[in-house]
Amino acid sequence: EVQLVESGGGLAQAGASLRLSCAASGFTISTDAMNWYRQAPGKERELVATITNAGGYINYADSVKGRFTISRDNAKDTLYLQMNSLKPEDTAVYYCNAQDLRVGNVWGQGTQVTVSS
């Protein structure tokens, strides 16, 4: 079964850090561009960070630049999002996404991040 499974979400205080992981199974992410998205209650899903297959191109939403770091371990088929200096406005469900030429556009089920002030 082709799937992405996120983990690492939870409750954090403002200023704290969390690290999200996204593990792929049923396919390999080594040739894929990978993304982290988030969706807050009542808002549209927004792109948070993007990384190309070898990590040669990385881009962040302005709202997280300097605080979040996207990375990947292709040998483990795992994507990461290190989130530092968390703010209450970072509260959302975080989704990982793979754009794979063979299996198509793959989404994880999401992991909740809640930041208290």
PDB file of N, CA and C in Angstrom:
ATOM      1  N   GLU A   1       0.839  -1.194   0.000  1.00  0.00           N
ATOM      2  CA  GLU A   1       0.000   0.000   0.000  1.00  0.00           C
ATOM      3  C   GLU A   1       0.876   1.247   0.000  1.00  0.00           C
ATOM      4  N   VAL A   2       0.548   2.163  -0.900  1.00  0.00           N
ATOM      5  CA  VAL A   2       1.274   3.431  -0.986  1.00  0.00           C
ATOM      6  C   VAL A   2       0.748   4.371   0.093  1.00  0.00           C
ATOM      7  N   GLN A   3       1.625   4.829   0.971  1.00  0.00           N
ATOM      8  CA  GLN A   3       1.178   5.765   1.982  1.00  0.00           C
ATOM      9  C   GLN A   3       2.322   6.588   2.554  1.00  0.00           C
ATOM     10  N   LEU A   4       1.931   7.720   3.120  1.00  0.00           N
ATOM     11  CA  LEU A   4       2.817   8.575   3.895  1.00  0.00           C
ATOM     12  C   LEU A   4       2.228   8.679   5.297  1.00  0.00           C
ATOM     13  N   VAL A   5       3.071   8.526   6.297  1.00  0.00           N
ATOM     14  CA  VAL A   5       2.605   8.573   7.680  1.00  0.00           C
ATOM     15  C   VAL A   5       3.406   9.622   8.442  1.00  0.00           C
ATOM     16  N   GLU A   6       2.692  10.659   8.892  1.00  0.00           N
ATOM     17  CA  GLU A   6       3.340  11.719   9.673  1.00  0.00           C
ATOM     18  C   GLU A   6       3.349  11.361  11.154  1.00  0.00           C
ATOM     19  N   SER A   7       4.333  11.889  11.850  1.00  0.00           N
ATOM     20  CA  SER A   7       4.407  11.738  13.300  1.00  0.00           C
ATOM     21  C   SER A   7       5.160  12.923  13.874  1.00  0.00           C
ATOM     22  N   GLY A   8       5.085  13.078  15.200  1.00  0.00           N
ATOM     23  CA  GLY A   8       5.846  14.112  15.866  1.00  0.00           C
ATOM     24  C   GLY A   8       5.054  15.340  16.271  1.00  0.00           C
ATOM     25  N   GLY A   9       3.795  15.385  15.893  1.00  0.00           N
ATOM     26  CA  GLY A   9       2.978  16.519  16.292  1.00  0.00           C
ATOM     27  C   GLY A   9       2.620  16.433  17.767  1.00  0.00           C
ATOM     28  N   GLY A  10       1.963  17.477  18.246  1.00  0.00           N
ATOM     29  CA  GLY A  10       1.558  17.486  19.636  1.00  0.00           C
ATOM     30  C   GLY A  10       1.325  18.891  20.138  1.00  0.00           C
ATOM     31  N   LEU A  11       1.328  19.025  21.439  1.00  0.00           N
ATOM     32  CA  LEU A  11       1.108  20.310  22.091  1.00  0.00           C
ATOM     33  C   LEU A  11       2.440  20.900  22.523  1.00  0.00           C
ATOM     34  N   ALA A  12       2.671  22.166  22.195  1.00  0.00           N
ATOM     35  CA  ALA A  12       3.903  22.842  22.576  1.00  0.00           C
ATOM     36  C   ALA A  12       3.591  24.259  23.014  1.00  0.00           C
ATOM     37  N   GLN A  13       4.442  24.793  23.846  1.00  0.00           N
ATOM     38  CA  GLN A  13       4.303  26.188  24.247  1.00  0.00           C
ATOM     39  C   GLN A  13       4.990  27.087  23.232  1.00  0.00           C
ATOM     40  N   ALA A  14       4.558  28.312  23.162  1.00  0.00           N
ATOM     41  CA  ALA A  14       5.198  29.277  22.276  1.00  0.00           C
ATOM     42  C   ALA A  14       6.691  29.357  22.594  1.00  0.00           C
ATOM     43  N   GLY A  15       7.496  29.348  21.541  1.00  0.00           N
ATOM     44  CA  GLY A  15       8.931  29.390  21.688  1.00  0.00           C
ATOM     45  C   GLY A  15       9.600  28.028  21.686  1.00  0.00           C
ATOM     46  N   ALA A  16       8.812  26.985  21.828  1.00  0.00           N
ATOM     47  CA  ALA A  16       9.362  25.631  21.871  1.00  0.00           C
ATOM     48  C   ALA A  16       9.613  25.102  20.457  1.00  0.00           C
ATOM     49  N   SER A  17      10.091  23.869  20.398  1.00  0.00           N
ATOM     50  CA  SER A  17      10.406  23.231  19.132  1.00  0.00           C
ATOM     51  C   SER A  17       9.695  21.887  19.024  1.00  0.00           C
ATOM     52  N   LEU A  18       9.389  21.515  17.804  1.00  0.00           N
ATOM     53  CA  LEU A  18       8.879  20.188  17.487  1.00  0.00           C
ATOM     54  C   LEU A  18       9.540  19.725  16.194  1.00  0.00           C
ATOM     55  N   ARG A  19       9.670  18.427  16.045  1.00  0.00           N
ATOM     56  CA  ARG A  19      10.195  17.856  14.810  1.00  0.00           C
ATOM     57  C   ARG A  19       9.181  16.874  14.261  1.00  0.00           C
ATOM     58  N   LEU A  20       8.703  17.157  13.070  1.00  0.00           N
ATOM     59  CA  LEU A  20       7.775  16.264  12.400  1.00  0.00           C
ATOM     60  C   LEU A  20       8.539  15.316  11.483  1.00  0.00           C
ATOM     61  N   SER A  21       8.040  14.094  11.382  1.00  0.00           N
ATOM     62  CA  SER A  21       8.593  13.116  10.459  1.00  0.00           C
ATOM     63  C   SER A  21       7.482  12.623   9.547  1.00  0.00           C
ATOM     64  N   CYS A  22       7.869  12.191   8.373  1.00  0.00           N
ATOM     65  CA  CYS A  22       6.915  11.644   7.408  1.00  0.00           C
ATOM     66  C   CYS A  22       7.587  10.451   6.737  1.00  0.00           C
ATOM     67  N   ALA A  23       7.094   9.267   7.023  1.00  0.00           N
ATOM     68  CA  ALA A  23       7.690   8.046   6.506  1.00  0.00           C
ATOM     69  C   ALA A  23       6.859   7.507   5.356  1.00  0.00           C
ATOM     70  N   ALA A  24       7.526   7.186   4.265  1.00  0.00           N
ATOM     71  CA  ALA A  24       6.858   6.635   3.092  1.00  0.00           C
ATOM     72  C   ALA A  24       6.931   5.117   3.111  1.00  0.00           C
ATOM     73  N   SER A  25       5.876   4.496   2.626  1.00  0.00           N
ATOM     74  CA  SER A  25       5.877   3.047   2.426  1.00  0.00           C
ATOM     75  C   SER A  25       5.140   2.733   1.137  1.00  0.00           C
ATOM     76  N   GLY A  26       5.523   1.645   0.502  1.00  0.00           N
ATOM     77  CA  GLY A  26       4.904   1.254  -0.755  1.00  0.00           C
ATOM     78  C   GLY A  26       5.495   1.942  -1.967  1.00  0.00           C
ATOM     79  N   PHE A  27       6.372   2.898  -1.742  1.00  0.00           N
ATOM     80  CA  PHE A  27       7.075   3.576  -2.825  1.00  0.00           C
ATOM     81  C   PHE A  27       8.286   4.271  -2.217  1.00  0.00           C
ATOM     82  N   THR A  28       9.191   4.705  -3.071  1.00  0.00           N
ATOM     83  CA  THR A  28      10.360   5.426  -2.604  1.00  0.00           C
ATOM     84  C   THR A  28      10.242   6.905  -2.941  1.00  0.00           C
ATOM     85  N   ILE A  29      10.698   7.746  -2.036  1.00  0.00           N
ATOM     86  CA  ILE A  29      10.608   9.190  -2.259  1.00  0.00           C
ATOM     87  C   ILE A  29      11.887   9.751  -2.874  1.00  0.00           C
ATOM     88  N   SER A  30      12.857   8.886  -3.152  1.00  0.00           N
ATOM     89  CA  SER A  30      14.188   9.376  -3.520  1.00  0.00           C
ATOM     90  C   SER A  30      14.204  10.239  -4.777  1.00  0.00           C
ATOM     91  N   THR A  31      13.233  10.052  -5.657  1.00  0.00           N
ATOM     92  CA  THR A  31      13.205  10.855  -6.886  1.00  0.00           C
ATOM     93  C   THR A  31      12.125  11.931  -6.844  1.00  0.00           C
ATOM     94  N   ASP A  32      11.498  12.104  -5.696  1.00  0.00           N
ATOM     95  CA  ASP A  32      10.325  12.974  -5.606  1.00  0.00           C
ATOM     96  C   ASP A  32      10.636  14.323  -4.970  1.00  0.00           C
ATOM     97  N   ALA A  33       9.963  15.345  -5.475  1.00  0.00           N
ATOM     98  CA  ALA A  33       9.870  16.582  -4.718  1.00  0.00           C
ATOM     99  C   ALA A  33       8.903  16.322  -3.569  1.00  0.00           C
ATOM    100  N   MET A  34       9.230  16.870  -2.401  1.00  0.00           N
ATOM    101  CA  MET A  34       8.417  16.638  -1.214  1.00  0.00           C
ATOM    102  C   MET A  34       8.011  17.972  -0.613  1.00  0.00           C
ATOM    103  N   ASN A  35       6.823  17.981  -0.027  1.00  0.00           N
ATOM    104  CA  ASN A  35       6.293  19.219   0.541  1.00  0.00           C
ATOM    105  C   ASN A  35       5.698  18.975   1.925  1.00  0.00           C
ATOM    106  N   TRP A  36       5.726  20.007   2.723  1.00  0.00           N
ATOM    107  CA  TRP A  36       4.925  20.070   3.937  1.00  0.00           C
ATOM    108  C   TRP A  36       3.869  21.158   3.733  1.00  0.00           C
ATOM    109  N   TYR A  37       2.628  20.806   4.033  1.00  0.00           N
ATOM    110  CA  TYR A  37       1.510  21.744   4.025  1.00  0.00           C
ATOM    111  C   TYR A  37       0.936  21.814   5.436  1.00  0.00           C
ATOM    112  N   ARG A  38       0.131  22.824   5.675  1.00  0.00           N
ATOM    113  CA  ARG A  38      -0.619  22.896   6.925  1.00  0.00           C
ATOM    114  C   ARG A  38      -1.981  23.523   6.667  1.00  0.00           C
ATOM    115  N   GLN A  39      -2.908  23.168   7.539  1.00  0.00           N
ATOM    116  CA  GLN A  39      -4.258  23.720   7.448  1.00  0.00           C
ATOM    117  C   GLN A  39      -4.763  24.032   8.844  1.00  0.00           C
ATOM    118  N   ALA A  40      -4.998  25.295   9.070  1.00  0.00           N
ATOM    119  CA  ALA A  40      -5.551  25.740  10.347  1.00  0.00           C
ATOM    120  C   ALA A  40      -7.072  25.744  10.249  1.00  0.00           C
ATOM    121  N   PRO A  41      -7.765  25.672  11.378  1.00  0.00           N
ATOM    122  CA  PRO A  41      -9.235  25.665  11.356  1.00  0.00           C
ATOM    123  C   PRO A  41      -9.787  26.877  10.624  1.00  0.00           C
ATOM    124  N   GLY A  42     -10.693  26.620   9.695  1.00  0.00           N
ATOM    125  CA  GLY A  42     -11.328  27.699   8.963  1.00  0.00           C
ATOM    126  C   GLY A  42     -10.490  28.340   7.884  1.00  0.00           C
ATOM    127  N   LYS A  43      -9.306  27.792   7.643  1.00  0.00           N
ATOM    128  CA  LYS A  43      -8.419  28.359   6.633  1.00  0.00           C
ATOM    129  C   LYS A  43      -8.106  27.333   5.561  1.00  0.00           C
ATOM    130  N   GLU A  44      -7.628  27.836   4.424  1.00  0.00           N
ATOM    131  CA  GLU A  44      -7.231  26.948   3.342  1.00  0.00           C
ATOM    132  C   GLU A  44      -5.885  26.293   3.665  1.00  0.00           C
ATOM    133  N   ARG A  45      -5.658  25.147   3.050  1.00  0.00           N
ATOM    134  CA  ARG A  45      -4.371  24.476   3.204  1.00  0.00           C
ATOM    135  C   ARG A  45      -3.295  25.331   2.542  1.00  0.00           C
ATOM    136  N   GLU A  46      -2.178  25.516   3.230  1.00  0.00           N
ATOM    137  CA  GLU A  46      -1.109  26.334   2.682  1.00  0.00           C
ATOM    138  C   GLU A  46       0.196  25.551   2.623  1.00  0.00           C
ATOM    139  N   LEU A  47       0.999  25.881   1.620  1.00  0.00           N
ATOM    140  CA  LEU A  47       2.297  25.251   1.454  1.00  0.00           C
ATOM    141  C   LEU A  47       3.279  25.876   2.438  1.00  0.00           C
ATOM    142  N   VAL A  48       3.932  25.039   3.223  1.00  0.00           N
ATOM    143  CA  VAL A  48       4.868  25.508   4.236  1.00  0.00           C
ATOM    144  C   VAL A  48       6.314  25.423   3.734  1.00  0.00           C
ATOM    145  N   ALA A  49       6.665  24.289   3.140  1.00  0.00           N
ATOM    146  CA  ALA A  49       8.055  24.096   2.718  1.00  0.00           C
ATOM    147  C   ALA A  49       8.124  23.053   1.618  1.00  0.00           C
ATOM    148  N   THR A  50       9.119  23.213   0.749  1.00  0.00           N
ATOM    149  CA  THR A  50       9.345  22.315  -0.380  1.00  0.00           C
ATOM    150  C   THR A  50      10.812  21.950  -0.450  1.00  0.00           C
ATOM    151  N   ILE A  51      11.089  20.688  -0.819  1.00  0.00           N
ATOM    152  CA  ILE A  51      12.466  20.256  -1.025  1.00  0.00           C
ATOM    153  C   ILE A  51      12.489  19.339  -2.229  1.00  0.00           C
ATOM    154  N   THR A  52      13.446  19.550  -3.130  1.00  0.00           N
ATOM    155  CA  THR A  52      13.557  18.687  -4.300  1.00  0.00           C
ATOM    156  C   THR A  52      14.232  17.367  -3.928  1.00  0.00           C
ATOM    157  N   ASN A  53      14.305  16.448  -4.898  1.00  0.00           N
ATOM    158  CA  ASN A  53      14.695  15.074  -4.580  1.00  0.00           C
ATOM    159  C   ASN A  53      16.064  14.957  -3.949  1.00  0.00           C
ATOM    160  N   ALA A  54      17.024  15.755  -4.402  1.00  0.00           N
ATOM    161  CA  ALA A  54      18.366  15.706  -3.818  1.00  0.00           C
ATOM    162  C   ALA A  54      18.619  16.853  -2.856  1.00  0.00           C
ATOM    163  N   GLY A  55      17.589  17.608  -2.580  1.00  0.00           N
ATOM    164  CA  GLY A  55      17.749  18.720  -1.646  1.00  0.00           C
ATOM    165  C   GLY A  55      18.402  19.940  -2.240  1.00  0.00           C
ATOM    166  N   GLY A  56      18.504  19.975  -3.576  1.00  0.00           N
ATOM    167  CA  GLY A  56      19.181  21.096  -4.198  1.00  0.00           C
ATOM    168  C   GLY A  56      18.379  22.381  -4.194  1.00  0.00           C
ATOM    169  N   TYR A  57      17.073  22.255  -4.051  1.00  0.00           N
ATOM    170  CA  TYR A  57      16.202  23.429  -3.993  1.00  0.00           C
ATOM    171  C   TYR A  57      15.291  23.287  -2.788  1.00  0.00           C
ATOM    172  N   ILE A  58      15.271  24.316  -1.962  1.00  0.00           N
ATOM    173  CA  ILE A  58      14.416  24.357  -0.785  1.00  0.00           C
ATOM    174  C   ILE A  58      13.730  25.712  -0.752  1.00  0.00           C
ATOM    175  N   ASN A  59      12.468  25.702  -0.413  1.00  0.00           N
ATOM    176  CA  ASN A  59      11.733  26.961  -0.326  1.00  0.00           C
ATOM    177  C   ASN A  59      10.774  26.910   0.855  1.00  0.00           C
ATOM    178  N   TYR A  60      10.552  28.073   1.459  1.00  0.00           N
ATOM    179  CA  TYR A  60       9.687  28.169   2.624  1.00  0.00           C
ATOM    180  C   TYR A  60       8.657  29.270   2.438  1.00  0.00           C
ATOM    181  N   ALA A  61       7.527  29.104   3.084  1.00  0.00           N
ATOM    182  CA  ALA A  61       6.568  30.196   3.186  1.00  0.00           C
ATOM    183  C   ALA A  61       7.208  31.303   4.023  1.00  0.00           C
ATOM    184  N   ASP A  62       6.867  32.530   3.702  1.00  0.00           N
ATOM    185  CA  ASP A  62       7.443  33.669   4.425  1.00  0.00           C
ATOM    186  C   ASP A  62       7.177  33.567   5.921  1.00  0.00           C
ATOM    187  N   SER A  63       6.043  33.006   6.282  1.00  0.00           N
ATOM    188  CA  SER A  63       5.642  32.952   7.688  1.00  0.00           C
ATOM    189  C   SER A  63       6.513  32.023   8.531  1.00  0.00           C
ATOM    190  N   VAL A  64       7.283  31.136   7.893  1.00  0.00           N
ATOM    191  CA  VAL A  64       8.098  30.190   8.656  1.00  0.00           C
ATOM    192  C   VAL A  64       9.591  30.319   8.370  1.00  0.00           C
ATOM    193  N   LYS A  65       9.960  31.190   7.462  1.00  0.00           N
ATOM    194  CA  LYS A  65      11.383  31.355   7.126  1.00  0.00           C
ATOM    195  C   LYS A  65      12.191  31.733   8.365  1.00  0.00           C
ATOM    196  N   GLY A  66      13.336  31.062   8.509  1.00  0.00           N
ATOM    197  CA  GLY A  66      14.200  31.329   9.650  1.00  0.00           C
ATOM    198  C   GLY A  66      13.824  30.553  10.898  1.00  0.00           C
ATOM    199  N   ARG A  67      12.656  29.904  10.888  1.00  0.00           N
ATOM    200  CA  ARG A  67      12.215  29.124  12.055  1.00  0.00           C
ATOM    201  C   ARG A  67      12.080  27.636  11.750  1.00  0.00           C
ATOM    202  N   PHE A  68      11.656  27.305  10.546  1.00  0.00           N
ATOM    203  CA  PHE A  68      11.429  25.909  10.153  1.00  0.00           C
ATOM    204  C   PHE A  68      12.529  25.459   9.193  1.00  0.00           C
ATOM    205  N   THR A  69      12.853  24.178   9.271  1.00  0.00           N
ATOM    206  CA  THR A  69      13.838  23.587   8.366  1.00  0.00           C
ATOM    207  C   THR A  69      13.311  22.263   7.831  1.00  0.00           C
ATOM    208  N   ILE A  70      13.227  22.164   6.514  1.00  0.00           N
ATOM    209  CA  ILE A  70      12.810  20.921   5.877  1.00  0.00           C
ATOM    210  C   ILE A  70      14.061  20.137   5.490  1.00  0.00           C
ATOM    211  N   SER A  71      13.992  18.821   5.663  1.00  0.00           N
ATOM    212  CA  SER A  71      15.117  17.971   5.279  1.00  0.00           C
ATOM    213  C   SER A  71      14.575  16.595   4.930  1.00  0.00           C
ATOM    214  N   ARG A  72      15.454  15.770   4.381  1.00  0.00           N
ATOM    215  CA  ARG A  72      15.012  14.442   3.963  1.00  0.00           C
ATOM    216  C   ARG A  72      16.148  13.454   4.099  1.00  0.00           C
ATOM    217  N   ASP A  73      15.786  12.207   4.300  1.00  0.00           N
ATOM    218  CA  ASP A  73      16.740  11.101   4.310  1.00  0.00           C
ATOM    219  C   ASP A  73      16.213  10.089   3.299  1.00  0.00           C
ATOM    220  N   ASN A  74      16.742  10.144   2.099  1.00  0.00           N
ATOM    221  CA  ASN A  74      16.224   9.272   1.036  1.00  0.00           C
ATOM    222  C   ASN A  74      16.484   7.796   1.327  1.00  0.00           C
ATOM    223  N   ALA A  75      17.552   7.500   2.034  1.00  0.00           N
ATOM    224  CA  ALA A  75      17.845   6.105   2.377  1.00  0.00           C
ATOM    225  C   ALA A  75      16.775   5.525   3.293  1.00  0.00           C
ATOM    226  N   LYS A  76      16.143   6.398   4.078  1.00  0.00           N
ATOM    227  CA  LYS A  76      15.077   5.966   4.987  1.00  0.00           C
ATOM    228  C   LYS A  76      13.692   6.298   4.453  1.00  0.00           C
ATOM    229  N   ASP A  77      13.649   6.900   3.254  1.00  0.00           N
ATOM    230  CA  ASP A  77      12.350   7.316   2.688  1.00  0.00           C
ATOM    231  C   ASP A  77      11.553   8.144   3.699  1.00  0.00           C
ATOM    232  N   THR A  78      12.224   9.097   4.287  1.00  0.00           N
ATOM    233  CA  THR A  78      11.613   9.898   5.338  1.00  0.00           C
ATOM    234  C   THR A  78      11.881  11.381   5.110  1.00  0.00           C
ATOM    235  N   LEU A  79      10.855  12.161   5.346  1.00  0.00           N
ATOM    236  CA  LEU A  79      10.906  13.615   5.257  1.00  0.00           C
ATOM    237  C   LEU A  79      10.764  14.186   6.666  1.00  0.00           C
ATOM    238  N   TYR A  80      11.423  15.311   6.923  1.00  0.00           N
ATOM    239  CA  TYR A  80      11.369  15.921   8.237  1.00  0.00           C
ATOM    240  C   TYR A  80      10.996  17.404   8.137  1.00  0.00           C
ATOM    241  N   LEU A  81      10.470  17.913   9.240  1.00  0.00           N
ATOM    242  CA  LEU A  81      10.260  19.345   9.380  1.00  0.00           C
ATOM    243  C   LEU A  81      10.624  19.724  10.814  1.00  0.00           C
ATOM    244  N   GLN A  82      11.756  20.406  10.957  1.00  0.00           N
ATOM    245  CA  GLN A  82      12.167  20.919  12.256  1.00  0.00           C
ATOM    246  C   GLN A  82      11.533  22.282  12.451  1.00  0.00           C
ATOM    247  N   MET A  83      10.751  22.414  13.508  1.00  0.00           N
ATOM    248  CA  MET A  83      10.026  23.653  13.761  1.00  0.00           C
ATOM    249  C   MET A  83      10.519  24.261  15.065  1.00  0.00           C
ATOM    250  N   ASN A  84      11.170  25.394  14.961  1.00  0.00           N
ATOM    251  CA  ASN A  84      11.690  26.097  16.127  1.00  0.00           C
ATOM    252  C   ASN A  84      10.927  27.397  16.351  1.00  0.00           C
ATOM    253  N   SER A  85      11.077  27.947  17.538  1.00  0.00           N
ATOM    254  CA  SER A  85      10.435  29.225  17.882  1.00  0.00           C
ATOM    255  C   SER A  85       8.960  29.220  17.494  1.00  0.00           C
ATOM    256  N   LEU A  86       8.275  28.184  17.888  1.00  0.00           N
ATOM    257  CA  LEU A  86       6.868  28.026  17.508  1.00  0.00           C
ATOM    258  C   LEU A  86       6.016  29.172  18.033  1.00  0.00           C
ATOM    259  N   LYS A  87       5.017  29.503  17.238  1.00  0.00           N
ATOM    260  CA  LYS A  87       4.072  30.576  17.573  1.00  0.00           C
ATOM    261  C   LYS A  87       2.653  30.005  17.592  1.00  0.00           C
ATOM    262  N   PRO A  88       1.752  30.623  18.315  1.00  0.00           N
ATOM    263  CA  PRO A  88       0.357  30.134  18.305  1.00  0.00           C
ATOM    264  C   PRO A  88      -0.226  30.064  16.897  1.00  0.00           C
ATOM    265  N   GLU A  89       0.193  30.948  16.024  1.00  0.00           N
ATOM    266  CA  GLU A  89      -0.328  30.929  14.655  1.00  0.00           C
ATOM    267  C   GLU A  89       0.208  29.767  13.822  1.00  0.00           C
ATOM    268  N   ASP A  90       1.133  28.990  14.378  1.00  0.00           N
ATOM    269  CA  ASP A  90       1.582  27.767  13.717  1.00  0.00           C
ATOM    270  C   ASP A  90       0.643  26.598  13.976  1.00  0.00           C
ATOM    271  N   THR A  91      -0.330  26.798  14.843  1.00  0.00           N
ATOM    272  CA  THR A  91      -1.288  25.740  15.152  1.00  0.00           C
ATOM    273  C   THR A  91      -2.051  25.339  13.903  1.00  0.00           C
ATOM    274  N   ALA A  92      -1.997  24.050  13.577  1.00  0.00           N
ATOM    275  CA  ALA A  92      -2.622  23.540  12.358  1.00  0.00           C
ATOM    276  C   ALA A  92      -2.424  22.025  12.297  1.00  0.00           C
ATOM    277  N   VAL A  93      -3.092  21.422  11.354  1.00  0.00           N
ATOM    278  CA  VAL A  93      -2.780  20.046  10.990  1.00  0.00           C
ATOM    279  C   VAL A  93      -1.730  20.111   9.886  1.00  0.00           C
ATOM    280  N   TYR A  94      -0.643  19.394  10.077  1.00  0.00           N
ATOM    281  CA  TYR A  94       0.470  19.395   9.131  1.00  0.00           C
ATOM    282  C   TYR A  94       0.432  18.115   8.303  1.00  0.00           C
ATOM    283  N   TYR A  95       0.556  18.301   6.990  1.00  0.00           N
ATOM    284  CA  TYR A  95       0.498  17.196   6.041  1.00  0.00           C
ATOM    285  C   TYR A  95       1.785  17.134   5.223  1.00  0.00           C
ATOM    286  N   CYS A  96       2.279  15.925   4.982  1.00  0.00           N
ATOM    287  CA  CYS A  96       3.356  15.801   4.014  1.00  0.00           C
ATOM    288  C   CYS A  96       2.771  15.328   2.686  1.00  0.00           C
ATOM    289  N   ASN A  97       3.484  15.637   1.641  1.00  0.00           N
ATOM    290  CA  ASN A  97       3.005  15.400   0.284  1.00  0.00           C
ATOM    291  C   ASN A  97       4.171  15.020  -0.601  1.00  0.00           C
ATOM    292  N   ALA A  98       3.951  14.002  -1.425  1.00  0.00           N
ATOM    293  CA  ALA A  98       4.954  13.576  -2.396  1.00  0.00           C
ATOM    294  C   ALA A  98       4.366  13.694  -3.789  1.00  0.00           C
ATOM    295  N   GLN A  99       5.143  14.196  -4.698  1.00  0.00           N
ATOM    296  CA  GLN A  99       4.750  14.247  -6.104  1.00  0.00           C
ATOM    297  C   GLN A  99       5.595  13.204  -6.835  1.00  0.00           C
ATOM    298  N   ASP A 100       4.989  12.038  -7.052  1.00  0.00           N
ATOM    299  CA  ASP A 100       5.726  10.893  -7.574  1.00  0.00           C
ATOM    300  C   ASP A 100       5.262  10.578  -8.988  1.00  0.00           C
ATOM    301  N   LEU A 101       6.199  10.386  -9.888  1.00  0.00           N
ATOM    302  CA  LEU A 101       5.846  10.157 -11.285  1.00  0.00           C
ATOM    303  C   LEU A 101       5.152   8.814 -11.489  1.00  0.00           C
ATOM    304  N   ARG A 102       5.417   7.850 -10.607  1.00  0.00           N
ATOM    305  CA  ARG A 102       4.841   6.522 -10.799  1.00  0.00           C
ATOM    306  C   ARG A 102       3.513   6.361 -10.079  1.00  0.00           C
ATOM    307  N   VAL A 103       3.410   6.824  -8.855  1.00  0.00           N
ATOM    308  CA  VAL A 103       2.192   6.584  -8.079  1.00  0.00           C
ATOM    309  C   VAL A 103       1.330   7.831  -7.947  1.00  0.00           C
ATOM    310  N   GLY A 104       1.807   8.966  -8.449  1.00  0.00           N
ATOM    311  CA  GLY A 104       0.990  10.167  -8.439  1.00  0.00           C
ATOM    312  C   GLY A 104       1.231  11.038  -7.219  1.00  0.00           C
ATOM    313  N   ASN A 105       0.231  11.844  -6.901  1.00  0.00           N
ATOM    314  CA  ASN A 105       0.283  12.787  -5.790  1.00  0.00           C
ATOM    315  C   ASN A 105      -0.178  12.047  -4.525  1.00  0.00           C
ATOM    316  N   VAL A 106       0.708  11.951  -3.547  1.00  0.00           N
ATOM    317  CA  VAL A 106       0.422  11.169  -2.346  1.00  0.00           C
ATOM    318  C   VAL A 106       0.387  12.104  -1.135  1.00  0.00           C
ATOM    319  N   TRP A 107      -0.629  11.937  -0.280  1.00  0.00           N
ATOM    320  CA  TRP A 107      -0.780  12.752   0.933  1.00  0.00           C
ATOM    321  C   TRP A 107      -0.762  11.859   2.175  1.00  0.00           C
ATOM    322  N   GLY A 108      -0.212  12.387   3.238  1.00  0.00           N
ATOM    323  CA  GLY A 108      -0.330  11.733   4.518  1.00  0.00           C
ATOM    324  C   GLY A 108      -1.658  12.084   5.171  1.00  0.00           C
ATOM    325  N   GLN A 109      -1.910  11.477   6.331  1.00  0.00           N
ATOM    326  CA  GLN A 109      -3.180  11.688   7.016  1.00  0.00           C
ATOM    327  C   GLN A 109      -3.174  12.933   7.883  1.00  0.00           C
ATOM    328  N   GLY A 110      -1.993  13.485   8.112  1.00  0.00           N
ATOM    329  CA  GLY A 110      -1.873  14.715   8.887  1.00  0.00           C
ATOM    330  C   GLY A 110      -1.535  14.454  10.344  1.00  0.00           C
ATOM    331  N   THR A 111      -0.840  15.416  10.943  1.00  0.00           N
ATOM    332  CA  THR A 111      -0.531  15.365  12.366  1.00  0.00           C
ATOM    333  C   THR A 111      -0.820  16.746  12.968  1.00  0.00           C
ATOM    334  N   GLN A 112      -1.486  16.754  14.098  1.00  0.00           N
ATOM    335  CA  GLN A 112      -1.914  18.000  14.710  1.00  0.00           C
ATOM    336  C   GLN A 112      -0.771  18.643  15.494  1.00  0.00           C
ATOM    337  N   VAL A 113      -0.566  19.928  15.252  1.00  0.00           N
ATOM    338  CA  VAL A 113       0.377  20.728  16.030  1.00  0.00           C
ATOM    339  C   VAL A 113      -0.426  21.850  16.683  1.00  0.00           C
ATOM    340  N   THR A 114      -0.336  21.919  17.994  1.00  0.00           N
ATOM    341  CA  THR A 114      -1.040  22.962  18.739  1.00  0.00           C
ATOM    342  C   THR A 114      -0.028  23.726  19.584  1.00  0.00           C
ATOM    343  N   VAL A 115       0.019  25.034  19.394  1.00  0.00           N
ATOM    344  CA  VAL A 115       0.972  25.874  20.108  1.00  0.00           C
ATOM    345  C   VAL A 115       0.200  26.816  21.029  1.00  0.00           C
ATOM    346  N   SER A 116       0.484  26.730  22.309  1.00  0.00           N
ATOM    347  CA  SER A 116      -0.200  27.577  23.279  1.00  0.00           C
ATOM    348  C   SER A 116       0.662  28.795  23.605  1.00  0.00           C
ATOM    349  N   SER A 117      -0.023  29.884  23.913  1.00  0.00           N
ATOM    350  CA  SER A 117       0.691  31.135  24.220  1.00  0.00           C
ATOM    351  C   SER A 117       1.062  31.227  25.680  1.00  0.00           C
TER     352      SER A 117
END
